[in-house]
C-alpha atoms as a PDB file:
ATOM      1  CA  MET A   1     -21.657 -14.817   6.349  1.00  0.00           C
ATOM      2  CA  LYS A   2     -20.357 -11.664   8.007  1.00  0.00           C
ATOM      3  CA  VAL A   3     -19.949  -8.175   6.587  1.00  0.00           C
ATOM      4  CA  GLY A   4     -16.791  -6.198   7.298  1.00  0.00           C
ATOM      5  CA  ILE A   5     -16.793  -2.454   6.687  1.00  0.00           C
ATOM      6  CA  ASP A   6     -13.548  -0.480   6.622  1.00  0.00           C
ATOM      7  CA  ILE A   7     -13.919   3.303   6.744  1.00  0.00           C
ATOM      8  CA  GLY A   8     -10.597   4.902   5.894  1.00  0.00           C
ATOM      9  CA  GLY A   9      -9.413   8.470   5.795  1.00  0.00           C
ATOM     10  CA  SER A  10     -10.352   8.780   2.130  1.00  0.00           C
ATOM     11  CA  HIS A  11     -12.414   5.723   1.136  1.00  0.00           C
ATOM     12  CA  ILE A  12     -14.870   3.061   2.286  1.00  0.00           C
ATOM     13  CA  ALA A  13     -14.550  -0.676   1.598  1.00  0.00           C
ATOM     14  CA  ILE A  14     -17.210  -3.292   2.290  1.00  0.00           C
ATOM     15  CA  GLY A  15     -16.656  -7.046   2.100  1.00  0.00           C
ATOM     16  CA  VAL A  16     -18.570 -10.253   2.723  1.00  0.00           C
ATOM     17  CA  VAL A  17     -16.326 -12.567   4.761  1.00  0.00           C
ATOM     18  CA  ASN A  18     -16.769 -16.301   5.315  1.00  0.00           C
ATOM     19  CA  ASP A  19     -15.890 -18.334   8.420  1.00  0.00           C
ATOM     20  CA  GLU A  20     -12.324 -18.925   7.166  1.00  0.00           C
ATOM     21  CA  GLY A  21     -11.621 -15.183   6.989  1.00  0.00           C
ATOM     22  CA  LYS A  22     -11.819 -15.060   3.176  1.00  0.00           C
ATOM     23  CA  ILE A  23     -13.447 -12.147   1.378  1.00  0.00           C
ATOM     24  CA  VAL A  24     -15.989 -13.539  -1.093  1.00  0.00           C
ATOM     25  CA  GLU A  25     -17.246 -10.193  -2.394  1.00  0.00           C
ATOM     26  CA  LYS A  26     -15.966  -6.643  -2.037  1.00  0.00           C
ATOM     27  CA  SER A  27     -16.890  -3.140  -3.122  1.00  0.00           C
ATOM     28  CA  GLU A  28     -15.331   0.232  -2.359  1.00  0.00           C
ATOM     29  CA  LYS A  29     -15.835   3.925  -2.912  1.00  0.00           C
ATOM     30  CA  ASP A  30     -13.725   7.055  -2.530  1.00  0.00           C
ATOM     31  CA  ILE A  31     -15.087   9.687  -0.165  1.00  0.00           C
ATOM     32  CA  GLN A  32     -15.600  12.730  -2.380  1.00  0.00           C
ATOM     33  CA  SER A  33     -16.166  15.503   0.155  1.00  0.00           C
ATOM     34  CA  LYS A  34     -14.834  15.942   3.665  1.00  0.00           C
ATOM     35  CA  GLN A  35     -17.660  18.406   4.354  1.00  0.00           C
ATOM     36  CA  ASN A  36     -20.263  15.788   3.392  1.00  0.00           C
ATOM     37  CA  ALA A  37     -18.374  12.691   4.533  1.00  0.00           C
ATOM     38  CA  LYS A  38     -20.867  11.440   7.121  1.00  0.00           C
ATOM     39  CA  LYS A  39     -23.785  11.455   4.662  1.00  0.00           C
ATOM     40  CA  GLU A  40     -21.662   9.846   1.941  1.00  0.00           C
ATOM     41  CA  ILE A  41     -20.658   7.046   4.294  1.00  0.00           C
ATOM     42  CA  LEU A  42     -24.162   6.309   5.590  1.00  0.00           C
ATOM     43  CA  ASP A  43     -25.735   6.470   2.116  1.00  0.00           C
ATOM     44  CA  TYR A  44     -23.120   4.141   0.632  1.00  0.00           C
ATOM     45  CA  LEU A  45     -23.451   1.674   3.503  1.00  0.00           C
ATOM     46  CA  GLU A  46     -27.221   1.539   3.156  1.00  0.00           C
ATOM     47  CA  ASP A  47     -27.142   1.083  -0.632  1.00  0.00           C
ATOM     48  CA  THR A  48     -24.492  -1.643  -0.437  1.00  0.00           C
ATOM     49  CA  LEU A  49     -26.041  -3.483   2.502  1.00  0.00           C
ATOM     50  CA  ASN A  50     -29.428  -3.465   0.782  1.00  0.00           C
ATOM     51  CA  ALA A  51     -27.853  -5.344  -2.121  1.00  0.00           C
ATOM     52  CA  LEU A  52     -25.781  -7.719   0.019  1.00  0.00           C
ATOM     53  CA  THR A  53     -28.627  -8.767   2.312  1.00  0.00           C
ATOM     54  CA  LYS A  54     -30.577  -9.893  -0.782  1.00  0.00           C
ATOM     55  CA  LYS A  55     -27.710 -12.197  -1.809  1.00  0.00           C
ATOM     56  CA  TYR A  56     -26.401 -13.488   1.529  1.00  0.00           C
ATOM     57  CA  GLU A  57     -27.666 -14.452   4.951  1.00  0.00           C
ATOM     58  CA  ILE A  58     -25.769 -11.948   7.082  1.00  0.00           C
ATOM     59  CA  GLU A  59     -25.211 -12.851  10.743  1.00  0.00           C
ATOM     60  CA  LYS A  60     -23.097  -9.878  11.851  1.00  0.00           C
ATOM     61  CA  ILE A  61     -21.810  -6.511  10.650  1.00  0.00           C
ATOM     62  CA  GLY A  62     -18.432  -5.247  11.848  1.00  0.00           C
ATOM     63  CA  ILE A  63     -17.400  -1.647  11.237  1.00  0.00           C
ATOM     64  CA  ALA A  64     -13.784  -0.498  11.435  1.00  0.00           C
ATOM     65  CA  SER A  65     -13.027   3.227  11.438  1.00  0.00           C
ATOM     66  CA  PRO A  66     -10.450   5.723  12.665  1.00  0.00           C
ATOM     67  CA  GLY A  67     -11.434   7.268  15.974  1.00  0.00           C
ATOM     68  CA  ASN A  68     -12.813   6.110  19.312  1.00  0.00           C
ATOM     69  CA  PRO A  69     -15.522   3.410  19.142  1.00  0.00           C
ATOM     70  CA  LYS A  70     -18.181   2.993  21.818  1.00  0.00           C
ATOM     71  CA  GLU A  71     -21.284   0.826  21.459  1.00  0.00           C
ATOM     72  CA  THR A  72     -22.580   1.646  17.933  1.00  0.00           C
ATOM     73  CA  LYS A  73     -20.800   5.012  17.702  1.00  0.00           C
ATOM     74  CA  ILE A  74     -17.386   6.187  16.574  1.00  0.00           C
ATOM     75  CA  LYS A  75     -16.135   9.583  17.736  1.00  0.00           C
ATOM     76  CA  ASN A  76     -13.294  11.852  16.641  1.00  0.00           C
ATOM     77  CA  ILE A  77     -12.689  10.773  13.047  1.00  0.00           C
ATOM     78  CA  VAL A  78     -10.353  13.729  12.710  1.00  0.00           C
ATOM     79  CA  ASN A  79      -9.105  13.142   9.152  1.00  0.00           C
ATOM     80  CA  LEU A  80     -12.697  13.287   7.887  1.00  0.00           C
ATOM     81  CA  GLY A  81     -13.795  16.097  10.202  1.00  0.00           C
ATOM     82  CA  ILE A  82     -16.484  13.905  11.829  1.00  0.00           C
ATOM     83  CA  ASP A  83     -17.186  14.432  15.542  1.00  0.00           C
ATOM     84  CA  VAL A  84     -19.430  11.378  15.902  1.00  0.00           C
ATOM     85  CA  ILE A  85     -21.190   8.894  13.635  1.00  0.00           C
ATOM     86  CA  ASP A  86     -23.799   6.430  14.945  1.00  0.00           C
ATOM     87  CA  PHE A  87     -24.552   3.116  13.198  1.00  0.00           C
ATOM     88  CA  LYS A  88     -27.486   2.132  15.405  1.00  0.00           C
ATOM     89  CA  LYS A  89     -29.957   2.629  12.526  1.00  0.00           C
ATOM     90  CA  ILE A  90     -28.066  -0.020  10.561  1.00  0.00           C
ATOM     91  CA  GLN A  91     -28.432  -2.472  13.448  1.00  0.00           C
ATOM     92  CA  ASN A  92     -32.147  -1.723  13.735  1.00  0.00           C
ATOM     93  CA  LYS A  93     -32.796  -1.945   9.999  1.00  0.00           C
ATOM     94  CA  TYR A  94     -31.002  -5.214   9.271  1.00  0.00           C
ATOM     95  CA  LYS A  95     -31.765  -6.914  12.615  1.00  0.00           C
ATOM     96  CA  VAL A  96     -28.192  -8.154  13.107  1.00  0.00           C
ATOM     97  CA  PRO A  97     -25.541  -7.214  15.680  1.00  0.00           C
ATOM     98  CA  VAL A  98     -23.386  -4.259  14.672  1.00  0.00           C
ATOM     99  CA  LYS A  99     -19.962  -4.030  16.292  1.00  0.00           C
ATOM    100  CA  VAL A 100     -17.551  -1.122  15.896  1.00  0.00           C
ATOM    101  CA  ILE A 101     -13.793  -1.059  16.351  1.00  0.00           C
ATOM    102  CA  ASN A 102     -10.894   1.263  15.611  1.00  0.00           C
ATOM    103  CA  ASP A 103      -9.670   0.534  12.077  1.00  0.00           C
ATOM    104  CA  ALA A 104      -6.053  -0.155  12.982  1.00  0.00           C
ATOM    105  CA  LYS A 105      -7.122  -2.541  15.761  1.00  0.00           C
ATOM    106  CA  ALA A 106      -9.332  -4.390  13.253  1.00  0.00           C
ATOM    107  CA  ALA A 107      -6.517  -4.686  10.715  1.00  0.00           C
ATOM    108  CA  GLY A 108      -4.189  -5.832  13.473  1.00  0.00           C
ATOM    109  CA  LEU A 109      -6.657  -8.557  14.505  1.00  0.00           C
ATOM    110  CA  ALA A 110      -6.747  -9.891  10.935  1.00  0.00           C
ATOM    111  CA  GLU A 111      -2.959  -9.965  10.733  1.00  0.00           C
ATOM    112  CA  LYS A 112      -2.728 -11.655  14.149  1.00  0.00           C
ATOM    113  CA  GLU A 113      -5.396 -14.256  13.394  1.00  0.00           C
ATOM    114  CA  TYR A 114      -4.467 -15.157   9.826  1.00  0.00           C
ATOM    115  CA  GLY A 115      -1.471 -13.182   8.592  1.00  0.00           C
ATOM    116  CA  SER A 116       1.899 -11.577   9.281  1.00  0.00           C
ATOM    117  CA  LEU A 117       1.645 -11.677  13.105  1.00  0.00           C
ATOM    118  CA  LYS A 118       0.046 -15.118  13.430  1.00  0.00           C
ATOM    119  CA  LYS A 119       3.052 -16.880  14.946  1.00  0.00           C
ATOM    120  CA  VAL A 120       4.248 -14.151  17.339  1.00  0.00           C
ATOM    121  CA  LYS A 121       3.094 -13.571  20.915  1.00  0.00           C
ATOM    122  CA  ASP A 122       4.217  -9.942  21.114  1.00  0.00           C
ATOM    123  CA  GLY A 123       3.614  -7.876  18.016  1.00  0.00           C
ATOM    124  CA  VAL A 124       2.645  -4.440  16.739  1.00  0.00           C
ATOM    125  CA  PHE A 125       0.598  -3.596  13.682  1.00  0.00           C
ATOM    126  CA  LEU A 126       0.883  -0.160  12.060  1.00  0.00           C
ATOM    127  CA  CYS A 127      -1.451   1.072   9.342  1.00  0.00           C
ATOM    128  CA  LEU A 128       0.337   3.680   7.210  1.00  0.00           C
ATOM    129  CA  GLY A 129      -2.329   5.381   5.129  1.00  0.00           C
ATOM    130  CA  THR A 130      -4.137   8.718   5.317  1.00  0.00           C
ATOM    131  CA  GLY A 131      -2.965   8.760   8.942  1.00  0.00           C
ATOM    132  CA  ILE A 132      -1.207   6.193  11.121  1.00  0.00           C
ATOM    133  CA  GLY A 133      -3.052   3.796  13.390  1.00  0.00           C
ATOM    134  CA  GLY A 134      -1.766   0.975  15.531  1.00  0.00           C
ATOM    135  CA  ALA A 135      -2.609  -2.231  17.366  1.00  0.00           C
ATOM    136  CA  VAL A 136      -0.477  -3.817  20.077  1.00  0.00           C
ATOM    137  CA  PHE A 137      -0.452  -7.488  21.083  1.00  0.00           C
ATOM    138  CA  LEU A 138       1.254  -8.749  24.230  1.00  0.00           C
ATOM    139  CA  ASN A 139       1.211 -12.453  25.064  1.00  0.00           C
ATOM    140  CA  ASN A 140      -1.263 -12.993  22.197  1.00  0.00           C
ATOM    141  CA  GLU A 141      -3.768 -10.460  23.594  1.00  0.00           C
ATOM    142  CA  LEU A 142      -4.865  -7.246  21.881  1.00  0.00           C
ATOM    143  CA  LEU A 143      -4.310  -4.423  24.358  1.00  0.00           C
ATOM    144  CA  ILE A 144      -7.442  -2.318  24.858  1.00  0.00           C
ATOM    145  CA  PRO A 145      -7.491   0.177  27.758  1.00  0.00           C
ATOM    146  CA  HIS A 146     -10.749   0.625  29.704  1.00  0.00           C
ATOM    147  CA  LYS A 147     -10.905   4.425  29.325  1.00  0.00           C
ATOM    148  CA  ASN A 148     -10.310   4.839  25.564  1.00  0.00           C
ATOM    149  CA  PRO A 149      -9.265   2.429  22.785  1.00  0.00           C
ATOM    150  CA  GLY A 150      -5.789   3.927  23.117  1.00  0.00           C
ATOM    151  CA  PHE A 151      -2.493   3.212  21.416  1.00  0.00           C
ATOM    152  CA  GLU A 152      -2.783   6.162  19.055  1.00  0.00           C
ATOM    153  CA  LEU A 153       0.758   5.496  17.885  1.00  0.00           C
ATOM    154  CA  GLY A 154       0.324   7.906  15.003  1.00  0.00           C
ATOM    155  CA  HIS A 155      -0.098  10.749  17.472  1.00  0.00           C
ATOM    156  CA  MET A 156       3.097  10.327  19.444  1.00  0.00           C
ATOM    157  CA  ILE A 157       5.126  13.492  18.962  1.00  0.00           C
ATOM    158  CA  ILE A 158       8.460  13.130  17.187  1.00  0.00           C
ATOM    159  CA  ASP A 159       9.053  16.898  16.781  1.00  0.00           C
ATOM    160  CA  LYS A 160       7.490  19.245  19.348  1.00  0.00           C
ATOM    161  CA  ASN A 161       7.801  22.232  16.973  1.00  0.00           C
ATOM    162  CA  GLY A 162       6.786  20.244  13.936  1.00  0.00           C
ATOM    163  CA  ASN A 163       3.968  20.055  11.428  1.00  0.00           C
ATOM    164  CA  GLN A 164       0.388  20.795  12.447  1.00  0.00           C
ATOM    165  CA  CYS A 165      -1.684  17.624  12.823  1.00  0.00           C
ATOM    166  CA  ASN A 166      -5.444  17.281  12.287  1.00  0.00           C
ATOM    167  CA  CYS A 167      -5.712  16.227  15.923  1.00  0.00           C
ATOM    168  CA  GLY A 168      -4.664  19.739  17.035  1.00  0.00           C
ATOM    169  CA  LYS A 169      -1.131  18.888  18.170  1.00  0.00           C
ATOM    170  CA  ARG A 170       2.146  19.552  16.386  1.00  0.00           C
ATOM    171  CA  GLY A 171       4.823  17.108  15.305  1.00  0.00           C
ATOM    172  CA  CYS A 172       2.761  13.914  15.407  1.00  0.00           C
ATOM    173  CA  PHE A 173       4.305  10.786  13.894  1.00  0.00           C
ATOM    174  CA  GLU A 174       1.594  10.667  11.215  1.00  0.00           C
ATOM    175  CA  THR A 175       2.298  14.212  10.016  1.00  0.00           C
ATOM    176  CA  TYR A 176       5.712  12.923   8.891  1.00  0.00           C
ATOM    177  CA  CYS A 177       5.088   9.285   8.022  1.00  0.00           C
ATOM    178  CA  SER A 178       1.526   8.867   6.781  1.00  0.00           C
ATOM    179  CA  MET A 179       1.373   7.843   3.142  1.00  0.00           C
ATOM    180  CA  LYS A 180      -0.786  10.895   2.503  1.00  0.00           C
ATOM    181  CA  LYS A 181       2.090  13.131   3.606  1.00  0.00           C
ATOM    182  CA  LEU A 182       4.562  11.247   1.433  1.00  0.00           C
ATOM    183  CA  LYS A 183       2.294  11.361  -1.631  1.00  0.00           C
ATOM    184  CA  ASN A 184       1.736  15.091  -1.172  1.00  0.00           C
ATOM    185  CA  ASP A 185       5.503  15.662  -1.039  1.00  0.00           C
ATOM    186  CA  PHE A 186       5.950  13.747  -4.301  1.00  0.00           C
ATOM    187  CA  ALA A 187       3.046  15.589  -5.912  1.00  0.00           C
ATOM    188  CA  LYS A 188       4.693  18.963  -5.296  1.00  0.00           C
ATOM    189  CA  ILE A 189       7.605  17.826  -7.432  1.00  0.00           C
ATOM    190  CA  PHE A 190       5.776  15.835 -10.097  1.00  0.00           C
ATOM    191  CA  GLU A 191       3.105  18.474 -10.704  1.00  0.00           C
ATOM    192  CA  LYS A 192       5.880  20.743 -11.969  1.00  0.00           C
ATOM    193  CA  MET A 193       7.080  18.016 -14.337  1.00  0.00           C
ATOM    194  CA  TYR A 194       3.762  16.664 -15.639  1.00  0.00           C
ATOM    195  CA  ASN A 195       0.440  18.277 -16.528  1.00  0.00           C
ATOM    196  CA  GLU A 196      -1.642  15.755 -14.613  1.00  0.00           C
ATOM    197  CA  ILE A 197      -0.856  13.376 -11.766  1.00  0.00           C
ATOM    198  CA  ASP A 198      -3.121  11.296  -9.576  1.00  0.00           C
ATOM    199  CA  ILE A 199      -1.187  10.885  -6.331  1.00  0.00           C
ATOM    200  CA  ASN A 200      -3.685   8.284  -5.105  1.00  0.00           C
ATOM    201  CA  ASN A 201      -2.957   6.014  -8.060  1.00  0.00           C
ATOM    202  CA  ALA A 202      -0.235   3.809  -6.562  1.00  0.00           C
ATOM    203  CA  LYS A 203       0.845   2.313  -9.890  1.00  0.00           C
ATOM    204  CA  GLN A 204       1.204   5.717 -11.523  1.00  0.00           C
ATOM    205  CA  LEU A 205       3.054   7.182  -8.566  1.00  0.00           C
ATOM    206  CA  LYS A 206       5.440   4.218  -8.311  1.00  0.00           C
ATOM    207  CA  LYS A 207       6.189   4.467 -12.023  1.00  0.00           C
ATOM    208  CA  LEU A 208       7.003   8.176 -11.740  1.00  0.00           C
ATOM    209  CA  ILE A 209       9.223   7.640  -8.691  1.00  0.00           C
ATOM    210  CA  LEU A 210      11.172   4.819 -10.347  1.00  0.00           C
ATOM    211  CA  GLU A 211      11.587   6.828 -13.556  1.00  0.00           C
ATOM    212  CA  ASN A 212      13.019   9.736 -11.536  1.00  0.00           C
ATOM    213  CA  LYS A 213      14.769   7.854  -8.711  1.00  0.00           C
ATOM    214  CA  GLU A 214      18.115   9.522  -9.458  1.00  0.00           C
ATOM    215  CA  GLU A 215      16.587  12.986  -9.006  1.00  0.00           C
ATOM    216  CA  PRO A 216      18.106  14.453  -5.785  1.00  0.00           C
ATOM    217  CA  LYS A 217      14.763  15.897  -4.635  1.00  0.00           C
ATOM    218  CA  ILE A 218      13.130  12.474  -4.927  1.00  0.00           C
ATOM    219  CA  GLN A 219      15.971  10.836  -3.039  1.00  0.00           C
ATOM    220  CA  ARG A 220      15.726  13.411  -0.246  1.00  0.00           C
ATOM    221  CA  ILE A 221      11.990  12.842   0.191  1.00  0.00           C
ATOM    222  CA  ILE A 222      12.469   9.080   0.446  1.00  0.00           C
ATOM    223  CA  GLU A 223      15.444   9.342   2.802  1.00  0.00           C
ATOM    224  CA  GLU A 224      13.686  11.815   5.091  1.00  0.00           C
ATOM    225  CA  TYR A 225      10.524   9.709   5.166  1.00  0.00           C
ATOM    226  CA  ILE A 226      12.429   6.542   6.052  1.00  0.00           C
ATOM    227  CA  ASP A 227      14.475   8.292   8.738  1.00  0.00           C
ATOM    228  CA  ASN A 228      11.335   9.673  10.396  1.00  0.00           C
ATOM    229  CA  LEU A 229       9.670   6.263  10.145  1.00  0.00           C
ATOM    230  CA  ILE A 230      12.668   4.697  11.870  1.00  0.00           C
ATOM    231  CA  ILE A 231      12.338   7.216  14.728  1.00  0.00           C
ATOM    232  CA  GLY A 232       8.705   6.197  15.220  1.00  0.00           C
ATOM    233  CA  LEU A 233       9.433   2.493  14.936  1.00  0.00           C
ATOM    234  CA  SER A 234      12.353   2.800  17.374  1.00  0.00           C
ATOM    235  CA  ASN A 235      10.071   4.429  19.962  1.00  0.00           C
ATOM    236  CA  ILE A 236       7.593   1.579  19.527  1.00  0.00           C
ATOM    237  CA  ILE A 237      10.364  -1.012  19.847  1.00  0.00           C
ATOM    238  CA  ASP A 238      11.701   0.588  23.033  1.00  0.00           C
ATOM    239  CA  ILE A 239       8.251   0.707  24.656  1.00  0.00           C
ATOM    240  CA  PHE A 240       6.757  -2.658  23.640  1.00  0.00           C
ATOM    241  CA  GLU A 241       9.770  -4.840  22.684  1.00  0.00           C
ATOM    242  CA  PRO A 242       7.781  -6.702  20.009  1.00  0.00           C
ATOM    243  CA  GLU A 243       8.952  -9.821  18.229  1.00  0.00           C
ATOM    244  CA  ALA A 244       7.595  -8.409  14.969  1.00  0.00           C
ATOM    245  CA  ILE A 245       6.079  -5.224  13.538  1.00  0.00           C
ATOM    246  CA  SER A 246       3.670  -5.497  10.623  1.00  0.00           C
ATOM    247  CA  LEU A 247       3.262  -2.511   8.299  1.00  0.00           C
ATOM    248  CA  GLY A 248      -0.030  -2.141   6.440  1.00  0.00           C
ATOM    249  CA  GLY A 249      -2.011   0.491   4.575  1.00  0.00           C
ATOM    250  CA  SER A 250      -0.912   1.746   1.166  1.00  0.00           C
ATOM    251  CA  PHE A 251       2.719   1.501   2.356  1.00  0.00           C
ATOM    252  CA  VAL A 252       2.626  -2.160   1.285  1.00  0.00           C
ATOM    253  CA  TYR A 253       2.499  -1.174  -2.394  1.00  0.00           C
ATOM    254  CA  PHE A 254       5.918   0.532  -2.213  1.00  0.00           C
ATOM    255  CA  LYS A 255       8.048  -2.466  -1.278  1.00  0.00           C
ATOM    256  CA  ASP A 256      11.104  -1.674  -3.405  1.00  0.00           C
ATOM    257  CA  ILE A 257      10.958   2.075  -2.861  1.00  0.00           C
ATOM    258  CA  LEU A 258      10.311   2.181   0.909  1.00  0.00           C
ATOM    259  CA  TYR A 259      10.185  -1.204   2.630  1.00  0.00           C
ATOM    260  CA  LEU A 260      13.497  -2.709   1.481  1.00  0.00           C
ATOM    261  CA  PRO A 261      15.527   0.484   2.168  1.00  0.00           C
ATOM    262  CA  LEU A 262      13.775   0.746   5.566  1.00  0.00           C
ATOM    263  CA  GLN A 263      14.803  -2.785   6.508  1.00  0.00           C
ATOM    264  CA  LYS A 264      18.421  -2.099   5.556  1.00  0.00           C
ATOM    265  CA  LYS A 265      18.639   1.196   7.433  1.00  0.00           C
ATOM    266  CA  MET A 266      16.920  -0.223  10.536  1.00  0.00           C
ATOM    267  CA  GLU A 267      19.939  -2.506  10.947  1.00  0.00           C
ATOM    268  CA  GLU A 268      22.010   0.528  11.985  1.00  0.00           C
ATOM    269  CA  LYS A 269      19.937   0.635  15.230  1.00  0.00           C
ATOM    270  CA  LYS A 270      20.457   4.390  15.250  1.00  0.00           C
ATOM    271  CA  TYR A 271      17.565   5.256  17.578  1.00  0.00           C
ATOM    272  CA  VAL A 272      16.836   2.053  19.529  1.00  0.00           C
ATOM    273  CA  PHE A 273      17.777   1.699  23.200  1.00  0.00           C
ATOM    274  CA  ASN A 274      18.729  -1.982  23.391  1.00  0.00           C
ATOM    275  CA  LYS A 275      21.342  -2.066  20.664  1.00  0.00           C
ATOM    276  CA  GLU A 276      22.613  -5.512  21.745  1.00  0.00           C
ATOM    277  CA  SER A 277      19.196  -7.139  21.280  1.00  0.00           C
ATOM    278  CA  PRO A 278      18.048  -8.428  17.880  1.00  0.00           C
ATOM    279  CA  LEU A 279      15.633  -6.103  16.121  1.00  0.00           C
ATOM    280  CA  PRO A 280      12.051  -7.270  15.702  1.00  0.00           C
ATOM    281  CA  LYS A 281      11.146  -8.572  12.273  1.00  0.00           C
ATOM    282  CA  ILE A 282       9.665  -5.804  10.118  1.00  0.00           C
ATOM    283  CA  ARG A 283       7.004  -7.333   7.875  1.00  0.00           C
ATOM    284  CA  LEU A 284       4.469  -6.215   5.300  1.00  0.00           C
ATOM    285  CA  ALA A 285       0.815  -6.893   6.082  1.00  0.00           C
ATOM    286  CA  THR A 286      -0.391 -10.117   4.478  1.00  0.00           C
ATOM    287  CA  PHE A 287      -3.806  -8.776   3.529  1.00  0.00           C
ATOM    288  CA  LYS A 288      -2.661  -5.324   2.382  1.00  0.00           C
ATOM    289  CA  ASN A 289      -5.647  -2.962   2.428  1.00  0.00           C
ATOM    290  CA  ASP A 290      -8.122  -5.789   3.097  1.00  0.00           C
ATOM    291  CA  SER A 291      -6.971  -6.287   6.700  1.00  0.00           C
ATOM    292  CA  GLY A 292      -9.564  -3.874   8.093  1.00  0.00           C
ATOM    293  CA  ILE A 293     -12.484  -5.637   6.376  1.00  0.00           C
ATOM    294  CA  ILE A 294     -11.439  -9.067   7.665  1.00  0.00           C
ATOM    295  CA  GLY A 295     -10.604  -7.824  11.159  1.00  0.00           C
ATOM    296  CA  ALA A 296     -13.939  -6.008  11.538  1.00  0.00           C
ATOM    297  CA  THR A 297     -15.670  -9.403  11.394  1.00  0.00           C
ATOM    298  CA  LEU A 298     -13.528 -10.804  14.229  1.00  0.00           C
ATOM    299  CA  ILE A 299     -14.900  -8.538  16.991  1.00  0.00           C
END
């Protein structure tokens, strides 16, 4: 068995994965404090791995995280305020290889191997969550530059005078199209209408949106989000000319509200260069938020 660990911008998920890419056991935890995030992560990993190694014979541990991976370290996890986190102690303690990979690349590998991108040679995976991460496949190969992991698609600038990003730049794609940004925009409206709202509860948020879908402010938020997402997707299409783009992260839970309107509006080809060419297929990730766990075991 292999263990896949997915460190997100606001939570950690750990799964035991078999040779067919199936998760046989999973646990997860929200990260409570950005200031204490590194300790929370390492403590949770140790507690969980202690339990799992008593139940399973673990042959490898794969760790997926935002940031730049190198050897057993990941640097620049900007949404958690972590400069560097080293997992070498885990490798030494459990006497198994520990591999690290950027979280979006891991999720992309899972979708390419088993899911929504399996039958395409040229494809792009985008994880729309706390931030935006990406993985690019050309001729069935995951593109990984020698210098840095690269393809920080969430940090392409779509408005040079735009919103401040955690990376230090302004106007990054993820400052307009991360699910965190969208949820915060909804919260500003719903908090005035209801005493309590948990914006991270997808079911609750979807219910509130659908109940108030005729509200002009709600419509404007959705329309603006989709238009900005189309700008980002159009840039990706023009650069990589993929056969398909897979959208993952918590975006997948808003199919009726976001995905279907996005597909319809993409057909206008408002921002793409090659308007005569067919658009790539826009798909939802097969494994939803589990892609990172599965993909971490494939490295």
